């Protein structure tokens, strides 16, 4: 079992910044990749950013150049630095891990709400 706890969400004006954190605990030795997803009201959950153990990173096109995913291995924590926020970034942001050897999410956090006002 892996437990994921997100924090850092809140209300921010357009153009502002937030940093989300995801603290992982439990059986994390097998975790190869972690990611941030988001789900806006009435929309499907979508991948925002992904970081793999070897350091490879992928971003959704909609956040490239504005969001940065990083991790602190010693703290078992993954971060999402979000700059130049837009109202369309408003969503619940979820942290996730993947099943070893696949791209199937096996654990989700409960999410943290980000609201960007115009």
C-alpha atoms as a PDB file:
ATOM      1  CA  UNK A   1       0.000   0.000   0.000  1.00  0.00           C
ATOM      2  CA  UNK A   2       1.092   3.515  -0.820  1.00  0.00           C
ATOM      3  CA  UNK A   3      -0.422   6.587   0.769  1.00  0.00           C
ATOM      4  CA  UNK A   4      -0.348   9.910  -1.072  1.00  0.00           C
ATOM      5  CA  UNK A   5      -1.228  13.196   0.590  1.00  0.00           C
ATOM      6  CA  UNK A   6      -1.478  16.370  -1.454  1.00  0.00           C
ATOM      7  CA  UNK A   7      -1.248  19.901  -0.109  1.00  0.00           C
ATOM      8  CA  UNK A   8      -0.768  23.443  -1.338  1.00  0.00           C
ATOM      9  CA  UNK A   9      -3.983  24.127  -3.172  1.00  0.00           C
ATOM     10  CA  UNK A  10      -5.952  27.308  -2.739  1.00  0.00           C
ATOM     11  CA  UNK A  11      -7.381  30.404  -4.366  1.00  0.00           C
ATOM     12  CA  UNK A  12      -5.119  32.526  -6.536  1.00  0.00           C
ATOM     13  CA  UNK A  13      -5.623  35.281  -9.087  1.00  0.00           C
ATOM     14  CA  UNK A  14      -4.846  34.724 -12.740  1.00  0.00           C
ATOM     15  CA  UNK A  15      -1.146  35.170 -13.373  1.00  0.00           C
ATOM     16  CA  UNK A  16      -0.258  34.006  -9.896  1.00  0.00           C
ATOM     17  CA  UNK A  17       1.621  30.947  -8.672  1.00  0.00           C
ATOM     18  CA  UNK A  18       1.099  27.976  -6.394  1.00  0.00           C
ATOM     19  CA  UNK A  19       3.237  25.027  -5.409  1.00  0.00           C
ATOM     20  CA  UNK A  20       1.588  21.696  -4.756  1.00  0.00           C
ATOM     21  CA  UNK A  21       3.218  18.959  -2.723  1.00  0.00           C
ATOM     22  CA  UNK A  22       2.557  15.226  -2.649  1.00  0.00           C
ATOM     23  CA  UNK A  23       4.015  13.270   0.237  1.00  0.00           C
ATOM     24  CA  UNK A  24       4.270   9.527  -0.344  1.00  0.00           C
ATOM     25  CA  UNK A  25       4.475   6.910   2.380  1.00  0.00           C
ATOM     26  CA  UNK A  26       4.097   3.173   2.776  1.00  0.00           C
ATOM     27  CA  UNK A  27       5.504   0.655   0.313  1.00  0.00           C
ATOM     28  CA  UNK A  28       7.187   3.161  -1.971  1.00  0.00           C
ATOM     29  CA  UNK A  29      10.281   1.179  -2.933  1.00  0.00           C
ATOM     30  CA  UNK A  30       8.569  -0.146  -6.042  1.00  0.00           C
ATOM     31  CA  UNK A  31       7.303   3.222  -7.199  1.00  0.00           C
ATOM     32  CA  UNK A  32       8.888   3.976 -10.559  1.00  0.00           C
ATOM     33  CA  UNK A  33       6.910   6.999 -11.620  1.00  0.00           C
ATOM     34  CA  UNK A  34       4.659   9.597 -10.101  1.00  0.00           C
ATOM     35  CA  UNK A  35       2.349  12.074 -11.682  1.00  0.00           C
ATOM     36  CA  UNK A  36      -0.036  14.949 -11.186  1.00  0.00           C
ATOM     37  CA  UNK A  37      -3.500  14.755 -12.701  1.00  0.00           C
ATOM     38  CA  UNK A  38      -6.328  17.248 -12.545  1.00  0.00           C
ATOM     39  CA  UNK A  39     -10.069  17.159 -12.934  1.00  0.00           C
ATOM     40  CA  UNK A  40     -12.083  20.260 -13.659  1.00  0.00           C
ATOM     41  CA  UNK A  41     -15.844  20.390 -12.986  1.00  0.00           C
ATOM     42  CA  UNK A  42     -17.720  18.412 -15.609  1.00  0.00           C
ATOM     43  CA  UNK A  43     -14.546  17.191 -17.289  1.00  0.00           C
ATOM     44  CA  UNK A  44     -12.530  14.006 -17.317  1.00  0.00           C
ATOM     45  CA  UNK A  45      -9.402  13.621 -15.234  1.00  0.00           C
ATOM     46  CA  UNK A  46      -6.331  14.469 -17.272  1.00  0.00           C
ATOM     47  CA  UNK A  47      -2.589  13.997 -16.905  1.00  0.00           C
ATOM     48  CA  UNK A  48      -0.736  17.211 -16.099  1.00  0.00           C
ATOM     49  CA  UNK A  49       2.853  16.120 -15.488  1.00  0.00           C
ATOM     50  CA  UNK A  50       4.791  12.918 -15.007  1.00  0.00           C
ATOM     51  CA  UNK A  51       8.208  12.215 -13.530  1.00  0.00           C
ATOM     52  CA  UNK A  52       9.969   8.876 -13.822  1.00  0.00           C
ATOM     53  CA  UNK A  53      12.623   7.491 -11.464  1.00  0.00           C
ATOM     54  CA  UNK A  54      15.377   7.983 -14.039  1.00  0.00           C
ATOM     55  CA  UNK A  55      14.445  11.650 -14.277  1.00  0.00           C
ATOM     56  CA  UNK A  56      12.426  11.729 -17.490  1.00  0.00           C
ATOM     57  CA  UNK A  57       9.610  14.248 -17.367  1.00  0.00           C
ATOM     58  CA  UNK A  58       6.527  14.777 -19.504  1.00  0.00           C
ATOM     59  CA  UNK A  59       3.987  17.602 -19.476  1.00  0.00           C
ATOM     60  CA  UNK A  60       0.591  18.139 -20.962  1.00  0.00           C
ATOM     61  CA  UNK A  61       0.766  20.658 -23.796  1.00  0.00           C
ATOM     62  CA  UNK A  62      -1.559  22.981 -21.903  1.00  0.00           C
ATOM     63  CA  UNK A  63       0.941  23.481 -19.057  1.00  0.00           C
ATOM     64  CA  UNK A  64       4.311  23.349 -20.837  1.00  0.00           C
ATOM     65  CA  UNK A  65       6.424  26.353 -19.968  1.00  0.00           C
ATOM     66  CA  UNK A  66       4.241  27.230 -16.959  1.00  0.00           C
ATOM     67  CA  UNK A  67       4.318  24.167 -14.677  1.00  0.00           C
ATOM     68  CA  UNK A  68       7.349  22.316 -13.328  1.00  0.00           C
ATOM     69  CA  UNK A  69       7.296  18.893 -11.702  1.00  0.00           C
ATOM     70  CA  UNK A  70      10.130  17.914  -9.388  1.00  0.00           C
ATOM     71  CA  UNK A  71      10.831  15.516  -6.569  1.00  0.00           C
ATOM     72  CA  UNK A  72      12.791  15.268  -3.359  1.00  0.00           C
ATOM     73  CA  UNK A  73      13.737  11.609  -3.057  1.00  0.00           C
ATOM     74  CA  UNK A  74      14.921  11.984   0.534  1.00  0.00           C
ATOM     75  CA  UNK A  75      11.530  13.373   1.542  1.00  0.00           C
ATOM     76  CA  UNK A  76       9.520  11.026  -0.711  1.00  0.00           C
ATOM     77  CA  UNK A  77       7.766  14.108  -2.014  1.00  0.00           C
ATOM     78  CA  UNK A  78       6.825  15.296  -5.481  1.00  0.00           C
ATOM     79  CA  UNK A  79       6.085  18.924  -6.225  1.00  0.00           C
ATOM     80  CA  UNK A  80       4.218  20.805  -8.888  1.00  0.00           C
ATOM     81  CA  UNK A  81       5.239  24.423  -9.275  1.00  0.00           C
ATOM     82  CA  UNK A  82       2.500  26.244 -11.159  1.00  0.00           C
ATOM     83  CA  UNK A  83       3.210  29.693 -12.585  1.00  0.00           C
ATOM     84  CA  UNK A  84       1.221  32.046 -14.799  1.00  0.00           C
ATOM     85  CA  UNK A  85      -1.967  30.366 -13.673  1.00  0.00           C
ATOM     86  CA  UNK A  86      -5.083  30.745 -15.785  1.00  0.00           C
ATOM     87  CA  UNK A  87      -8.758  30.348 -14.874  1.00  0.00           C
ATOM     88  CA  UNK A  88      -8.830  27.181 -16.987  1.00  0.00           C
ATOM     89  CA  UNK A  89      -6.287  25.646 -14.590  1.00  0.00           C
ATOM     90  CA  UNK A  90      -9.028  25.540 -11.951  1.00  0.00           C
ATOM     91  CA  UNK A  91      -9.444  21.902 -10.921  1.00  0.00           C
ATOM     92  CA  UNK A  92      -8.869  19.354  -8.227  1.00  0.00           C
ATOM     93  CA  UNK A  93      -5.260  18.204  -8.542  1.00  0.00           C
ATOM     94  CA  UNK A  94      -4.433  14.603  -7.729  1.00  0.00           C
ATOM     95  CA  UNK A  95      -1.139  12.850  -7.118  1.00  0.00           C
ATOM     96  CA  UNK A  96      -0.751   9.332  -8.509  1.00  0.00           C
ATOM     97  CA  UNK A  97       1.652   6.420  -8.736  1.00  0.00           C
ATOM     98  CA  UNK A  98       1.830   3.718 -11.400  1.00  0.00           C
ATOM     99  CA  UNK A  99       1.918  -0.034 -11.235  1.00  0.00           C
ATOM    100  CA  UNK A 100       5.515  -1.201 -11.758  1.00  0.00           C
ATOM    101  CA  UNK A 101       6.110  -1.959 -15.415  1.00  0.00           C
ATOM    102  CA  UNK A 102       2.920  -0.332 -16.643  1.00  0.00           C
ATOM    103  CA  UNK A 103       1.185   2.987 -17.083  1.00  0.00           C
ATOM    104  CA  UNK A 104      -1.809   2.010 -15.011  1.00  0.00           C
ATOM    105  CA  UNK A 105      -2.367   4.163 -11.942  1.00  0.00           C
ATOM    106  CA  UNK A 106      -2.440   2.038  -8.846  1.00  0.00           C
ATOM    107  CA  UNK A 107      -2.736   4.704  -6.128  1.00  0.00           C
ATOM    108  CA  UNK A 108      -4.396   8.100  -5.970  1.00  0.00           C
ATOM    109  CA  UNK A 109      -4.281  10.854  -3.414  1.00  0.00           C
ATOM    110  CA  UNK A 110      -7.500  12.532  -2.312  1.00  0.00           C
ATOM    111  CA  UNK A 111      -6.707  15.706  -4.210  1.00  0.00           C
ATOM    112  CA  UNK A 112      -6.257  19.382  -3.501  1.00  0.00           C
ATOM    113  CA  UNK A 113      -8.419  22.122  -4.988  1.00  0.00           C
ATOM    114  CA  UNK A 114      -6.861  24.898  -7.049  1.00  0.00           C
ATOM    115  CA  UNK A 115      -9.084  27.825  -7.954  1.00  0.00           C
ATOM    116  CA  UNK A 116      -7.830  30.552 -10.275  1.00  0.00           C
ATOM    117  CA  UNK A 117      -9.916  33.702 -10.394  1.00  0.00           C
ATOM    118  CA  UNK A 118      -9.994  35.993 -13.396  1.00  0.00           C
END
